[in-house]
Amino acid sequence: MSEEHVPKDKPCLACNEGIPEFAFKKGGYSLYRCPSCGFLVVHPFPGDDQIRAFYNDNYQFASAEFYPKAGSRARERLEKLCNWRATHTASR
């Protein structure tokens, strides 16, 4: 996709100030960078099926095998939530 297909009048989705400019291509996608904040955006934005296929093929879930602390951190958050809920809902 060439630069001329990017909407030149659309401000950055992140800062709403700069107009993104072509930065580079990767994996068949054109990426544009905001000169104001540096935010990168893909244009045109991939459809749901393309996004689903990308993450199914390329994304590693934060499992205990991939990231050992993920399980203990999840347990800690769950314990905090349960404790908070017990103290804030006990009088109802």
Foldseek 3Di string as FASTA:
>chain_A
DDQVVQPQPAADPPPRPFRWGFDDDDPNWTWTAGPPPGDIDTPPDDDPVVVVVCCVPPPDPCDCVVPVCPVVVVVVVVVVVVVVCCVVVVVD
